[in-house]
Amino acid sequence: MRTRSELRWRCRRGALELDLLLSRYLDQRFDQASEEERSAFERLLTLPDPEILRYLMGQDHPKDDAVADLVNTIRSIPAVHP
Protein backbone atom coordinates (compact mmCIF):
# COMPACT_ATOMS: atom_id res chain seq x y z
CA MET A 1 0.00 0.00 0.00
CA ARG A 2 1.33 3.41 -0.96
CA THR A 3 1.57 6.26 1.51
CA ARG A 4 -0.98 9.04 1.43
CA SER A 5 1.56 11.49 0.00
CA GLU A 6 2.39 9.03 -2.80
CA LEU A 7 -1.30 8.64 -3.55
CA ARG A 8 -1.76 12.42 -3.58
CA TRP A 9 1.06 12.67 -6.12
CA ARG A 10 -0.53 9.92 -8.23
CA CYS A 11 -3.83 11.87 -8.20
CA ARG A 12 -2.08 14.65 -10.12
CA ARG A 13 -3.08 13.95 -13.69
CA GLY A 14 -2.95 15.73 -17.03
CA ALA A 15 -6.55 16.92 -16.79
CA LEU A 16 -7.80 19.26 -14.07
CA GLU A 17 -11.11 17.35 -13.91
CA LEU A 18 -9.26 14.17 -12.97
CA ASP A 19 -7.11 15.99 -10.41
CA LEU A 20 -10.23 17.33 -8.72
CA LEU A 21 -12.24 14.11 -8.73
CA LEU A 22 -9.40 11.87 -7.58
CA SER A 23 -8.17 14.31 -4.91
CA ARG A 24 -11.72 14.78 -3.63
CA TYR A 25 -12.02 11.02 -3.13
CA LEU A 26 -8.64 10.89 -1.38
CA ASP A 27 -9.58 13.76 0.94
CA GLN A 28 -13.18 12.80 1.70
CA ARG A 29 -13.46 9.02 1.49
CA PHE A 30 -10.12 7.21 1.38
CA ASP A 31 -9.53 7.10 5.14
CA GLN A 32 -12.88 5.34 5.73
CA ALA A 33 -12.53 2.99 2.74
CA SER A 34 -12.12 -0.75 3.09
CA GLU A 35 -8.83 -2.36 2.14
CA GLU A 36 -10.49 -3.67 -1.04
CA GLU A 37 -11.61 -0.16 -2.02
CA ARG A 38 -8.17 1.28 -1.25
CA SER A 39 -6.60 -1.39 -3.43
CA ALA A 40 -9.08 -0.58 -6.22
CA PHE A 41 -8.10 3.09 -5.93
CA GLU A 42 -4.45 2.18 -6.41
CA ARG A 43 -5.37 0.09 -9.46
CA LEU A 44 -7.43 2.95 -10.87
CA LEU A 45 -4.44 5.28 -10.54
CA THR A 46 -2.34 2.96 -12.73
CA LEU A 47 -4.68 3.46 -15.69
CA PRO A 48 -4.12 6.05 -18.45
CA ASP A 49 -5.88 9.39 -18.01
CA PRO A 50 -8.26 8.99 -20.98
CA GLU A 51 -9.48 5.64 -19.63
CA ILE A 52 -10.05 7.01 -16.11
CA LEU A 53 -11.87 10.02 -17.56
CA ARG A 54 -14.17 7.80 -19.64
CA TYR A 55 -15.03 5.81 -16.50
CA LEU A 56 -15.66 8.86 -14.35
CA MET A 57 -17.76 10.54 -17.05
CA GLY A 58 -19.87 7.39 -17.44
CA GLN A 59 -18.77 6.80 -21.04
CA ASP A 60 -17.25 3.38 -20.31
CA HIS A 61 -17.39 0.77 -17.55
CA PRO A 62 -14.37 -0.90 -15.87
CA LYS A 63 -14.18 -4.68 -16.20
CA ASP A 64 -12.79 -4.91 -12.65
CA ASP A 65 -15.88 -4.96 -10.40
CA ALA A 66 -14.08 -3.35 -7.45
CA VAL A 67 -12.82 -0.51 -9.67
CA ALA A 68 -16.35 -0.12 -11.11
CA ASP A 69 -17.76 0.20 -7.57
CA LEU A 70 -15.04 2.72 -6.73
CA VAL A 71 -15.83 4.76 -9.86
CA ASN A 72 -19.47 4.91 -8.74
CA THR A 73 -18.34 6.06 -5.30
CA ILE A 74 -16.10 8.76 -6.76
CA ARG A 75 -18.89 9.95 -9.03
CA SER A 76 -21.26 10.24 -6.06
CA ILE A 77 -19.03 12.56 -3.97
CA PRO A 78 -20.48 16.05 -4.14
CA ALA A 79 -18.25 18.99 -4.96
CA VAL A 80 -17.58 21.23 -2.01
CA HIS A 81 -17.90 24.89 -2.83
CA PRO A 82 -16.53 27.54 -0.47
PDB file of N, CA and C in Angstrom:
ATOM      1  N   MET A   1       0.857  -1.179   0.000  1.00  0.00           N
ATOM      2  CA  MET A   1       0.000   0.000   0.000  1.00  0.00           C
ATOM      3  C   MET A   1       0.900   1.238   0.000  1.00  0.00           C
ATOM      4  N   ARG A   2       0.570   2.161  -0.863  1.00  0.00           N
ATOM      5  CA  ARG A   2       1.335   3.412  -0.964  1.00  0.00           C
ATOM      6  C   ARG A   2       0.959   4.351   0.183  1.00  0.00           C
ATOM      7  N   THR A   3       1.861   5.260   0.490  1.00  0.00           N
ATOM      8  CA  THR A   3       1.572   6.263   1.513  1.00  0.00           C
ATOM      9  C   THR A   3       0.584   7.279   0.952  1.00  0.00           C
ATOM     10  N   ARG A   4      -0.015   8.014   1.846  1.00  0.00           N
ATOM     11  CA  ARG A   4      -0.984   9.039   1.434  1.00  0.00           C
ATOM     12  C   ARG A   4      -0.333  10.091   0.526  1.00  0.00           C
ATOM     13  N   SER A   5       0.893  10.485   0.832  1.00  0.00           N
ATOM     14  CA  SER A   5       1.564  11.489  -0.001  1.00  0.00           C
ATOM     15  C   SER A   5       1.864  10.924  -1.394  1.00  0.00           C
ATOM     16  N   GLU A   6       2.188   9.648  -1.483  1.00  0.00           N
ATOM     17  CA  GLU A   6       2.393   9.029  -2.798  1.00  0.00           C
ATOM     18  C   GLU A   6       1.087   8.989  -3.578  1.00  0.00           C
ATOM     19  N   LEU A   7       0.003   8.662  -2.883  1.00  0.00           N
ATOM     20  CA  LEU A   7      -1.301   8.640  -3.555  1.00  0.00           C
ATOM     21  C   LEU A   7      -1.694  10.039  -4.014  1.00  0.00           C
ATOM     22  N   ARG A   8      -1.433  11.041  -3.185  1.00  0.00           N
ATOM     23  CA  ARG A   8      -1.761  12.416  -3.580  1.00  0.00           C
ATOM     24  C   ARG A   8      -1.005  12.775  -4.855  1.00  0.00           C
ATOM     25  N   TRP A   9       0.263  12.394  -4.920  1.00  0.00           N
ATOM     26  CA  TRP A   9       1.064  12.669  -6.119  1.00  0.00           C
ATOM     27  C   TRP A   9       0.475  11.939  -7.322  1.00  0.00           C
ATOM     28  N   ARG A  10       0.040  10.707  -7.137  1.00  0.00           N
ATOM     29  CA  ARG A  10      -0.530   9.915  -8.232  1.00  0.00           C
ATOM     30  C   ARG A  10      -1.874  10.477  -8.698  1.00  0.00           C
ATOM     31  N   CYS A  11      -2.562  11.235  -7.827  1.00  0.00           N
ATOM     32  CA  CYS A  11      -3.831  11.871  -8.201  1.00  0.00           C
ATOM     33  C   CYS A  11      -3.611  13.048  -9.135  1.00  0.00           C
ATOM     34  N   ARG A  12      -2.389  13.535  -9.211  1.00  0.00           N
ATOM     35  CA  ARG A  12      -2.084  14.652 -10.115  1.00  0.00           C
ATOM     36  C   ARG A  12      -2.007  14.110 -11.532  1.00  0.00           C
ATOM     37  N   ARG A  13      -2.960  14.492 -12.334  1.00  0.00           N
ATOM     38  CA  ARG A  13      -3.081  13.952 -13.686  1.00  0.00           C
ATOM     39  C   ARG A  13      -2.939  15.078 -14.706  1.00  0.00           C
ATOM     40  N   GLY A  14      -3.065  14.736 -15.967  1.00  0.00           N
ATOM     41  CA  GLY A  14      -2.948  15.729 -17.026  1.00  0.00           C
ATOM     42  C   GLY A  14      -4.178  16.596 -17.196  1.00  0.00           C
ATOM     43  N   ALA A  15      -5.288  16.179 -16.642  1.00  0.00           N
ATOM     44  CA  ALA A  15      -6.546  16.920 -16.788  1.00  0.00           C
ATOM     45  C   ALA A  15      -7.017  17.405 -15.415  1.00  0.00           C
ATOM     46  N   LEU A  16      -7.351  18.677 -15.329  1.00  0.00           N
ATOM     47  CA  LEU A  16      -7.802  19.257 -14.069  1.00  0.00           C
ATOM     48  C   LEU A  16      -9.003  18.504 -13.503  1.00  0.00           C
ATOM     49  N   GLU A  17      -9.919  18.080 -14.358  1.00  0.00           N
ATOM     50  CA  GLU A  17     -11.107  17.352 -13.909  1.00  0.00           C
ATOM     51  C   GLU A  17     -10.707  16.103 -13.134  1.00  0.00           C
ATOM     52  N   LEU A  18      -9.723  15.379 -13.654  1.00  0.00           N
ATOM     53  CA  LEU A  18      -9.257  14.171 -12.968  1.00  0.00           C
ATOM     54  C   LEU A  18      -8.596  14.525 -11.644  1.00  0.00           C
ATOM     55  N   ASP A  19      -7.754  15.545 -11.651  1.00  0.00           N
ATOM     56  CA  ASP A  19      -7.110  15.987 -10.407  1.00  0.00           C
ATOM     57  C   ASP A  19      -8.168  16.226  -9.327  1.00  0.00           C
ATOM     58  N   LEU A  20      -9.194  16.965  -9.682  1.00  0.00           N
ATOM     59  CA  LEU A  20     -10.227  17.334  -8.720  1.00  0.00           C
ATOM     60  C   LEU A  20     -11.006  16.126  -8.219  1.00  0.00           C
ATOM     61  N   LEU A  21     -11.443  15.274  -9.121  1.00  0.00           N
ATOM     62  CA  LEU A  21     -12.237  14.109  -8.732  1.00  0.00           C
ATOM     63  C   LEU A  21     -11.436  13.133  -7.881  1.00  0.00           C
ATOM     64  N   LEU A  22     -10.216  12.839  -8.298  1.00  0.00           N
ATOM     65  CA  LEU A  22      -9.398  11.872  -7.576  1.00  0.00           C
ATOM     66  C   LEU A  22      -8.955  12.426  -6.225  1.00  0.00           C
ATOM     67  N   SER A  23      -8.578  13.690  -6.174  1.00  0.00           N
ATOM     68  CA  SER A  23      -8.173  14.308  -4.910  1.00  0.00           C
ATOM     69  C   SER A  23      -9.348  14.412  -3.946  1.00  0.00           C
ATOM     70  N   ARG A  24     -10.526  14.704  -4.470  1.00  0.00           N
ATOM     71  CA  ARG A  24     -11.724  14.782  -3.631  1.00  0.00           C
ATOM     72  C   ARG A  24     -11.983  13.433  -2.956  1.00  0.00           C
ATOM     73  N   TYR A  25     -11.848  12.349  -3.720  1.00  0.00           N
ATOM     74  CA  TYR A  25     -12.021  11.021  -3.133  1.00  0.00           C
ATOM     75  C   TYR A  25     -10.971  10.795  -2.043  1.00  0.00           C
ATOM     76  N   LEU A  26      -9.711  11.094  -2.340  1.00  0.00           N
ATOM     77  CA  LEU A  26      -8.640  10.886  -1.377  1.00  0.00           C
ATOM     78  C   LEU A  26      -8.903  11.671  -0.094  1.00  0.00           C
ATOM     79  N   ASP A  27      -9.344  12.899  -0.218  1.00  0.00           N
ATOM     80  CA  ASP A  27      -9.578  13.759   0.945  1.00  0.00           C
ATOM     81  C   ASP A  27     -10.828  13.385   1.736  1.00  0.00           C
ATOM     82  N   GLN A  28     -11.886  12.976   1.035  1.00  0.00           N
ATOM     83  CA  GLN A  28     -13.177  12.795   1.704  1.00  0.00           C
ATOM     84  C   GLN A  28     -13.540  11.352   2.025  1.00  0.00           C
ATOM     85  N   ARG A  29     -12.981  10.388   1.313  1.00  0.00           N
ATOM     86  CA  ARG A  29     -13.459   9.015   1.490  1.00  0.00           C
ATOM     87  C   ARG A  29     -12.376   7.969   1.759  1.00  0.00           C
ATOM     88  N   PHE A  30     -11.159   8.236   1.333  1.00  0.00           N
ATOM     89  CA  PHE A  30     -10.122   7.208   1.377  1.00  0.00           C
ATOM     90  C   PHE A  30      -9.879   6.672   2.781  1.00  0.00           C
ATOM     91  N   ASP A  31      -9.837   7.531   3.776  1.00  0.00           N
ATOM     92  CA  ASP A  31      -9.530   7.095   5.143  1.00  0.00           C
ATOM     93  C   ASP A  31     -10.572   6.121   5.689  1.00  0.00           C
ATOM     94  N   GLN A  32     -11.817   6.231   5.257  1.00  0.00           N
ATOM     95  CA  GLN A  32     -12.875   5.343   5.729  1.00  0.00           C
ATOM     96  C   GLN A  32     -13.056   4.116   4.835  1.00  0.00           C
ATOM     97  N   ALA A  33     -12.346   4.062   3.728  1.00  0.00           N
ATOM     98  CA  ALA A  33     -12.532   2.988   2.744  1.00  0.00           C
ATOM     99  C   ALA A  33     -12.003   1.659   3.266  1.00  0.00           C
ATOM    100  N   SER A  34     -12.603   0.595   2.776  1.00  0.00           N
ATOM    101  CA  SER A  34     -12.122  -0.753   3.090  1.00  0.00           C
ATOM    102  C   SER A  34     -10.788  -0.990   2.380  1.00  0.00           C
ATOM    103  N   GLU A  35     -10.096  -2.025   2.796  1.00  0.00           N
ATOM    104  CA  GLU A  35      -8.828  -2.363   2.138  1.00  0.00           C
ATOM    105  C   GLU A  35      -9.057  -2.687   0.656  1.00  0.00           C
ATOM    106  N   GLU A  36     -10.176  -3.342   0.355  1.00  0.00           N
ATOM    107  CA  GLU A  36     -10.492  -3.669  -1.041  1.00  0.00           C
ATOM    108  C   GLU A  36     -10.680  -2.396  -1.862  1.00  0.00           C
ATOM    109  N   GLU A  37     -11.394  -1.418  -1.299  1.00  0.00           N
ATOM    110  CA  GLU A  37     -11.615  -0.165  -2.024  1.00  0.00           C
ATOM    111  C   GLU A  37     -10.311   0.612  -2.180  1.00  0.00           C
ATOM    112  N   ARG A  38      -9.474   0.602  -1.159  1.00  0.00           N
ATOM    113  CA  ARG A  38      -8.172   1.276  -1.252  1.00  0.00           C
ATOM    114  C   ARG A  38      -7.310   0.637  -2.340  1.00  0.00           C
ATOM    115  N   SER A  39      -7.356  -0.676  -2.398  1.00  0.00           N
ATOM    116  CA  SER A  39      -6.603  -1.391  -3.435  1.00  0.00           C
ATOM    117  C   SER A  39      -7.148  -1.053  -4.823  1.00  0.00           C
ATOM    118  N   ALA A  40      -8.460  -0.954  -4.943  1.00  0.00           N
ATOM    119  CA  ALA A  40      -9.080  -0.578  -6.220  1.00  0.00           C
ATOM    120  C   ALA A  40      -8.656   0.830  -6.628  1.00  0.00           C
ATOM    121  N   PHE A  41      -8.536   1.731  -5.649  1.00  0.00           N
ATOM    122  CA  PHE A  41      -8.097   3.092  -5.934  1.00  0.00           C
ATOM    123  C   PHE A  41      -6.676   3.083  -6.492  1.00  0.00           C
ATOM    124  N   GLU A  42      -5.819   2.293  -5.900  1.00  0.00           N
ATOM    125  CA  GLU A  42      -4.447   2.185  -6.411  1.00  0.00           C
ATOM    126  C   GLU A  42      -4.439   1.626  -7.832  1.00  0.00           C
ATOM    127  N   ARG A  43      -5.282   0.638  -8.099  1.00  0.00           N
ATOM    128  CA  ARG A  43      -5.367   0.089  -9.462  1.00  0.00           C
ATOM    129  C   ARG A  43      -5.884   1.131 -10.434  1.00  0.00           C
ATOM    130  N   LEU A  44      -6.885   1.899 -10.008  1.00  0.00           N
ATOM    131  CA  LEU A  44      -7.429   2.955 -10.868  1.00  0.00           C
ATOM    132  C   LEU A  44      -6.332   3.951 -11.243  1.00  0.00           C
ATOM    133  N   LEU A  45      -5.494   4.290 -10.293  1.00  0.00           N
ATOM    134  CA  LEU A  45      -4.440   5.281 -10.539  1.00  0.00           C
ATOM    135  C   LEU A  45      -3.359   4.787 -11.498  1.00  0.00           C
ATOM    136  N   THR A  46      -3.322   3.485 -11.771  1.00  0.00           N
ATOM    137  CA  THR A  46      -2.336   2.964 -12.726  1.00  0.00           C
ATOM    138  C   THR A  46      -2.820   3.083 -14.168  1.00  0.00           C
ATOM    139  N   LEU A  47      -4.093   3.401 -14.351  1.00  0.00           N
ATOM    140  CA  LEU A  47      -4.678   3.460 -15.694  1.00  0.00           C
ATOM    141  C   LEU A  47      -4.340   4.781 -16.377  1.00  0.00           C
ATOM    142  N   PRO A  48      -4.360   4.789 -17.716  1.00  0.00           N
ATOM    143  CA  PRO A  48      -4.120   6.046 -18.446  1.00  0.00           C
ATOM    144  C   PRO A  48      -5.257   7.048 -18.213  1.00  0.00           C
ATOM    145  N   ASP A  49      -4.901   8.319 -18.241  1.00  0.00           N
ATOM    146  CA  ASP A  49      -5.878   9.386 -18.008  1.00  0.00           C
ATOM    147  C   ASP A  49      -7.135   9.266 -18.861  1.00  0.00           C
ATOM    148  N   PRO A  50      -7.030   9.049 -20.170  1.00  0.00           N
ATOM    149  CA  PRO A  50      -8.263   8.987 -20.982  1.00  0.00           C
ATOM    150  C   PRO A  50      -9.208   7.867 -20.524  1.00  0.00           C
ATOM    151  N   GLU A  51      -8.642   6.760 -20.091  1.00  0.00           N
ATOM    152  CA  GLU A  51      -9.478   5.642 -19.626  1.00  0.00           C
ATOM    153  C   GLU A  51     -10.179   6.010 -18.320  1.00  0.00           C
ATOM    154  N   ILE A  52      -9.448   6.594 -17.373  1.00  0.00           N
ATOM    155  CA  ILE A  52     -10.054   7.015 -16.108  1.00  0.00           C
ATOM    156  C   ILE A  52     -11.152   8.037 -16.377  1.00  0.00           C
ATOM    157  N   LEU A  53     -10.885   8.985 -17.246  1.00  0.00           N
ATOM    158  CA  LEU A  53     -11.865  10.024 -17.559  1.00  0.00           C
ATOM    159  C   LEU A  53     -13.138   9.420 -18.158  1.00  0.00           C
ATOM    160  N   ARG A  54     -12.985   8.457 -19.067  1.00  0.00           N
ATOM    161  CA  ARG A  54     -14.172   7.796 -19.639  1.00  0.00           C
ATOM    162  C   ARG A  54     -14.992   7.117 -18.548  1.00  0.00           C
ATOM    163  N   TYR A  55     -14.319   6.470 -17.604  1.00  0.00           N
ATOM    164  CA  TYR A  55     -15.028   5.809 -16.503  1.00  0.00           C
ATOM    165  C   TYR A  55     -15.762   6.828 -15.634  1.00  0.00           C
ATOM    166  N   LEU A  56     -15.066   7.886 -15.262  1.00  0.00           N
ATOM    167  CA  LEU A  56     -15.662   8.862 -14.353  1.00  0.00           C
ATOM    168  C   LEU A  56     -16.744   9.700 -15.016  1.00  0.00           C
ATOM    169  N   MET A  57     -16.718   9.810 -16.331  1.00  0.00           N
ATOM    170  CA  MET A  57     -17.760  10.542 -17.052  1.00  0.00           C
ATOM    171  C   MET A  57     -18.907   9.625 -17.465  1.00  0.00           C
ATOM    172  N   GLY A  58     -18.802   8.334 -17.131  1.00  0.00           N
ATOM    173  CA  GLY A  58     -19.866   7.390 -17.437  1.00  0.00           C
ATOM    174  C   GLY A  58     -19.910   6.964 -18.891  1.00  0.00           C
ATOM    175  N   GLN A  59     -18.819   7.162 -19.624  1.00  0.00           N
ATOM    176  CA  GLN A  59     -18.772   6.799 -21.037  1.00  0.00           C
ATOM    177  C   GLN A  59     -18.305   5.366 -21.259  1.00  0.00           C
ATOM    178  N   ASP A  60     -17.757   4.752 -20.227  1.00  0.00           N
ATOM    179  CA  ASP A  60     -17.254   3.381 -20.308  1.00  0.00           C
ATOM    180  C   ASP A  60     -17.362   2.788 -18.912  1.00  0.00           C
ATOM    181  N   HIS A  61     -17.216   1.462 -18.820  1.00  0.00           N
ATOM    182  CA  HIS A  61     -17.392   0.769 -17.546  1.00  0.00           C
ATOM    183  C   HIS A  61     -16.187  -0.145 -17.309  1.00  0.00           C
ATOM    184  N   PRO A  62     -15.518  -0.029 -16.157  1.00  0.00           N
ATOM    185  CA  PRO A  62     -14.372  -0.901 -15.874  1.00  0.00           C
ATOM    186  C   PRO A  62     -14.789  -2.366 -15.801  1.00  0.00           C
ATOM    187  N   LYS A  63     -13.922  -3.240 -16.275  1.00  0.00           N
ATOM    188  CA  LYS A  63     -14.182  -4.676 -16.195  1.00  0.00           C
ATOM    189  C   LYS A  63     -13.970  -5.194 -14.773  1.00  0.00           C
ATOM    190  N   ASP A  64     -13.077  -4.566 -14.042  1.00  0.00           N
ATOM    191  CA  ASP A  64     -12.787  -4.906 -12.650  1.00  0.00           C
ATOM    192  C   ASP A  64     -13.957  -4.410 -11.793  1.00  0.00           C
ATOM    193  N   ASP A  65     -14.691  -5.336 -11.167  1.00  0.00           N
ATOM    194  CA  ASP A  65     -15.877  -4.959 -10.397  1.00  0.00           C
ATOM    195  C   ASP A  65     -15.565  -4.008  -9.244  1.00  0.00           C
ATOM    196  N   ALA A  66     -14.436  -4.221  -8.571  1.00  0.00           N
ATOM    197  CA  ALA A  66     -14.078  -3.347  -7.452  1.00  0.00           C
ATOM    198  C   ALA A  66     -13.773  -1.935  -7.953  1.00  0.00           C
ATOM    199  N   VAL A  67     -13.106  -1.825  -9.088  1.00  0.00           N
ATOM    200  CA  VAL A  67     -12.823  -0.510  -9.671  1.00  0.00           C
ATOM    201  C   VAL A  67     -14.135   0.134 -10.130  1.00  0.00           C
ATOM    202  N   ALA A  68     -15.046  -0.655 -10.687  1.00  0.00           N
ATOM    203  CA  ALA A  68     -16.346  -0.122 -11.108  1.00  0.00           C
ATOM    204  C   ALA A  68     -17.114   0.423  -9.904  1.00  0.00           C
ATOM    205  N   ASP A  69     -17.096  -0.298  -8.779  1.00  0.00           N
ATOM    206  CA  ASP A  69     -17.756   0.197  -7.569  1.00  0.00           C
ATOM    207  C   ASP A  69     -17.100   1.487  -7.085  1.00  0.00           C
ATOM    208  N   LEU A  70     -15.776   1.523  -7.138  1.00  0.00           N
ATOM    209  CA  LEU A  70     -15.045   2.722  -6.733  1.00  0.00           C
ATOM    210  C   LEU A  70     -15.402   3.910  -7.616  1.00  0.00           C
ATOM    211  N   VAL A  71     -15.467   3.697  -8.920  1.00  0.00           N
ATOM    212  CA  VAL A  71     -15.835   4.762  -9.856  1.00  0.00           C
ATOM    213  C   VAL A  71     -17.204   5.321  -9.481  1.00  0.00           C
ATOM    214  N   ASN A  72     -18.145   4.449  -9.162  1.00  0.00           N
ATOM    215  CA  ASN A  72     -19.469   4.913  -8.744  1.00  0.00           C
ATOM    216  C   ASN A  72     -19.387   5.734  -7.465  1.00  0.00           C
ATOM    217  N   THR A  73     -18.533   5.314  -6.544  1.00  0.00           N
ATOM    218  CA  THR A  73     -18.341   6.062  -5.300  1.00  0.00           C
ATOM    219  C   THR A  73     -17.762   7.435  -5.595  1.00  0.00           C
ATOM    220  N   ILE A  74     -16.733   7.490  -6.414  1.00  0.00           N
ATOM    221  CA  ILE A  74     -16.099   8.762  -6.755  1.00  0.00           C
ATOM    222  C   ILE A  74     -17.102   9.691  -7.429  1.00  0.00           C
ATOM    223  N   ARG A  75     -17.897   9.138  -8.321  1.00  0.00           N
ATOM    224  CA  ARG A  75     -18.891   9.951  -9.032  1.00  0.00           C
ATOM    225  C   ARG A  75     -19.970  10.496  -8.102  1.00  0.00           C
ATOM    226  N   SER A  76     -20.192   9.828  -6.964  1.00  0.00           N
ATOM    227  CA  SER A  76     -21.258  10.236  -6.055  1.00  0.00           C
ATOM    228  C   SER A  76     -20.816  11.293  -5.032  1.00  0.00           C
ATOM    229  N   ILE A  77     -19.518  11.575  -4.962  1.00  0.00           N
ATOM    230  CA  ILE A  77     -19.026  12.555  -3.972  1.00  0.00           C
ATOM    231  C   ILE A  77     -19.355  13.960  -4.473  1.00  0.00           C
ATOM    232  N   PRO A  78     -20.120  14.705  -3.701  1.00  0.00           N
ATOM    233  CA  PRO A  78     -20.478  16.053  -4.143  1.00  0.00           C
ATOM    234  C   PRO A  78     -19.282  17.004  -4.075  1.00  0.00           C
ATOM    235  N   ALA A  79     -19.278  17.954  -4.978  1.00  0.00           N
ATOM    236  CA  ALA A  79     -18.252  18.995  -4.960  1.00  0.00           C
ATOM    237  C   ALA A  79     -18.512  19.898  -3.776  1.00  0.00           C
ATOM    238  N   VAL A  80     -17.457  20.313  -3.134  1.00  0.00           N
ATOM    239  CA  VAL A  80     -17.581  21.231  -2.005  1.00  0.00           C
ATOM    240  C   VAL A  80     -17.200  22.605  -2.495  1.00  0.00           C
ATOM    241  N   HIS A  81     -18.141  23.515  -2.386  1.00  0.00           N
ATOM    242  CA  HIS A  81     -17.905  24.889  -2.827  1.00  0.00           C
ATOM    243  C   HIS A  81     -17.730  25.775  -1.595  1.00  0.00           C
ATOM    244  N   PRO A  82     -16.758  26.663  -1.639  1.00  0.00           N
ATOM    245  CA  PRO A  82     -16.529  27.544  -0.475  1.00  0.00           C
ATOM    246  C   PRO A  82     -17.667  28.495  -0.221  1.00  0.00           C
TER     247      PRO A  82
END
